[in-house]
Amino acid sequence: MKELTLPSRIESVDEAAMLADEFARKNGCGDDVLSAVDLAVRESVANAVKHGNKFDESKKVEMTLECSDESLAITVRDFGTGFSVKDVPDPTDPENLLKVNGRGILFMRSFMDEVEWDNPAGGGLKVKMVKKR
């Protein structure tokens, strides 16, 4: 398991993706897992920095990486106000096709095998994403 704490700035997106890639490679993940993880980490950390913490550098982004024989699990947490995923409009609904909100959620769900959101005690939003190996 690897735990990281990142500042709430856009540069953290590349740093998180690089560290997740290193972790996945060290644990023997294949190219299909690596590309899915890269996209999901970039999207989730960007969301945490921008929408969750609103670029407030006094708030951190926490990322945890865990690997087993079956899967790679990534958890990303921000310390913003949080939200309910159910309240985000479905970007595939014809009336929402031109809206930008909700696309990140759709992307994470399409790249990863499991995605869950939680509003943990202490505030913020935590997303757990799992990619099967």
Protein backbone atom coordinates (compact mmCIF):
# COMPACT_ATOMS: atom_id res chain seq x y z
CA MET A 1 0.00 0.00 0.00
CA LYS A 2 1.16 3.52 -0.76
CA GLU A 3 -0.33 6.71 0.73
CA LEU A 4 0.25 10.18 -0.70
CA THR A 5 -0.70 13.68 0.34
CA LEU A 6 -0.78 16.22 -2.47
CA PRO A 7 -1.27 20.00 -2.52
CA SER A 8 -4.44 21.44 -4.08
CA ARG A 9 -2.85 22.70 -7.26
CA ILE A 10 -3.14 21.52 -10.84
CA GLU A 11 0.45 20.22 -10.90
CA SER A 12 -0.66 17.52 -8.47
CA VAL A 13 -2.56 15.82 -11.30
CA ASP A 14 0.64 14.90 -13.17
CA GLU A 15 2.43 13.99 -9.95
CA ALA A 16 -0.40 11.67 -8.87
CA ALA A 17 -0.55 10.03 -12.30
CA MET A 18 3.22 9.47 -12.34
CA LEU A 19 3.23 7.97 -8.83
CA ALA A 20 0.24 5.73 -9.61
CA ASP A 21 1.97 4.54 -12.78
CA GLU A 22 5.17 3.70 -10.85
CA PHE A 23 3.16 1.84 -8.20
CA ALA A 24 1.17 -0.14 -10.78
CA ARG A 25 4.30 -1.05 -12.76
CA LYS A 26 6.15 -2.19 -9.61
CA ASN A 27 3.18 -4.43 -8.85
CA GLY A 28 3.20 -6.01 -12.31
CA CYS A 29 0.12 -4.40 -13.84
CA GLY A 30 -0.25 -4.66 -17.61
CA ASP A 31 -0.71 -1.89 -20.15
CA ASP A 32 -4.52 -2.07 -20.09
CA VAL A 33 -4.51 -1.49 -16.33
CA LEU A 34 -1.87 1.25 -16.61
CA SER A 35 -3.83 3.29 -19.15
CA ALA A 36 -7.12 2.98 -17.23
CA VAL A 37 -5.43 3.95 -13.97
CA ASP A 38 -3.70 6.93 -15.58
CA LEU A 39 -6.98 8.35 -16.90
CA ALA A 40 -8.93 7.66 -13.71
CA VAL A 41 -6.24 9.15 -11.44
CA ARG A 42 -5.95 12.26 -13.60
CA GLU A 43 -9.71 12.79 -13.60
CA SER A 44 -10.24 12.10 -9.88
CA VAL A 45 -7.30 14.22 -8.68
CA ALA A 46 -8.24 17.08 -11.03
CA ASN A 47 -11.78 16.95 -9.64
CA ALA A 48 -10.48 16.91 -6.05
CA VAL A 49 -8.21 19.93 -6.66
CA LYS A 50 -10.65 21.96 -8.75
CA HIS A 51 -14.17 21.08 -7.59
CA GLY A 52 -13.51 19.66 -4.13
CA ASN A 53 -10.82 21.85 -2.63
CA LYS A 54 -11.33 24.73 -5.09
CA PHE A 55 -7.54 25.20 -5.45
CA ASP A 56 -7.31 26.02 -1.71
CA GLU A 57 -3.76 24.98 -0.87
CA SER A 58 -4.59 24.84 2.83
CA LYS A 59 -6.62 21.72 1.90
CA LYS A 60 -4.84 18.59 0.74
CA VAL A 61 -5.70 15.74 -1.60
CA GLU A 62 -5.04 12.29 -0.21
CA MET A 63 -4.47 9.31 -2.49
CA THR A 64 -4.07 5.68 -1.48
CA LEU A 65 -2.93 2.89 -3.81
CA GLU A 66 -3.42 -0.78 -2.94
CA CYS A 67 -2.61 -3.82 -5.04
CA SER A 68 -3.70 -7.43 -4.73
CA ASP A 69 -3.43 -10.42 -7.05
CA GLU A 70 -6.91 -9.58 -8.36
CA SER A 71 -6.99 -5.79 -8.58
CA LEU A 72 -5.52 -2.34 -8.11
CA ALA A 73 -7.55 -0.01 -5.86
CA ILE A 74 -7.14 3.76 -5.77
CA THR A 75 -8.78 6.09 -3.28
CA VAL A 76 -8.72 9.87 -3.76
CA ARG A 77 -10.07 12.21 -1.09
CA ASP A 78 -10.53 15.95 -1.01
CA PHE A 79 -11.55 18.15 1.92
CA GLY A 80 -14.09 20.41 0.23
CA THR A 81 -17.82 20.64 0.85
CA GLY A 82 -18.57 17.31 -0.83
CA PHE A 83 -21.55 16.48 -3.02
CA SER A 84 -23.85 13.64 -3.94
CA VAL A 85 -23.05 11.89 -7.21
CA LYS A 86 -26.79 11.32 -7.64
CA ASP A 87 -27.22 15.10 -8.04
CA VAL A 88 -24.89 15.29 -11.06
CA PRO A 89 -26.81 15.30 -14.36
CA ASP A 90 -26.30 12.24 -16.59
CA PRO A 91 -24.06 13.48 -19.44
CA THR A 92 -25.49 10.82 -21.80
CA ASP A 93 -29.03 12.19 -21.46
CA PRO A 94 -29.83 14.06 -24.70
CA GLU A 95 -30.69 17.25 -22.82
CA ASN A 96 -27.24 17.23 -21.15
CA LEU A 97 -25.04 16.37 -24.16
CA LEU A 98 -23.63 19.89 -24.43
CA LYS A 99 -23.05 20.32 -20.69
CA VAL A 100 -19.58 19.66 -19.29
CA ASN A 101 -20.71 18.59 -15.79
CA GLY A 102 -20.72 14.88 -15.04
CA ARG A 103 -18.33 13.75 -17.77
CA GLY A 104 -15.55 12.95 -15.28
CA ILE A 105 -17.85 10.59 -13.40
CA LEU A 106 -18.78 8.89 -16.68
CA PHE A 107 -15.08 8.60 -17.63
CA MET A 108 -14.07 7.09 -14.28
CA ARG A 109 -16.90 4.57 -14.49
CA SER A 110 -15.90 3.58 -18.02
CA PHE A 111 -12.15 3.23 -17.27
CA MET A 112 -12.45 1.35 -13.97
CA ASP A 113 -14.34 -1.80 -12.99
CA GLU A 114 -15.77 -0.35 -9.76
CA VAL A 115 -16.24 3.26 -8.64
CA GLU A 116 -17.80 4.34 -5.32
CA TRP A 117 -18.21 7.78 -3.80
CA ASP A 118 -18.48 8.52 -0.10
CA ASN A 119 -18.79 11.62 2.07
CA PRO A 120 -16.51 10.64 4.98
CA ALA A 121 -16.56 12.03 8.49
CA GLY A 122 -14.45 15.17 8.54
CA GLY A 123 -15.89 16.43 5.26
CA GLY A 124 -14.95 16.26 1.66
CA LEU A 125 -15.51 13.55 -0.86
CA LYS A 126 -13.76 10.21 -1.24
CA VAL A 127 -13.81 8.19 -4.44
CA LYS A 128 -12.62 4.57 -4.49
CA MET A 129 -11.84 3.08 -7.88
CA VAL A 130 -10.90 -0.54 -8.59
CA LYS A 131 -9.37 -1.97 -11.75
CA LYS A 132 -9.30 -5.76 -12.05
CA ARG A 133 -6.03 -7.26 -13.26
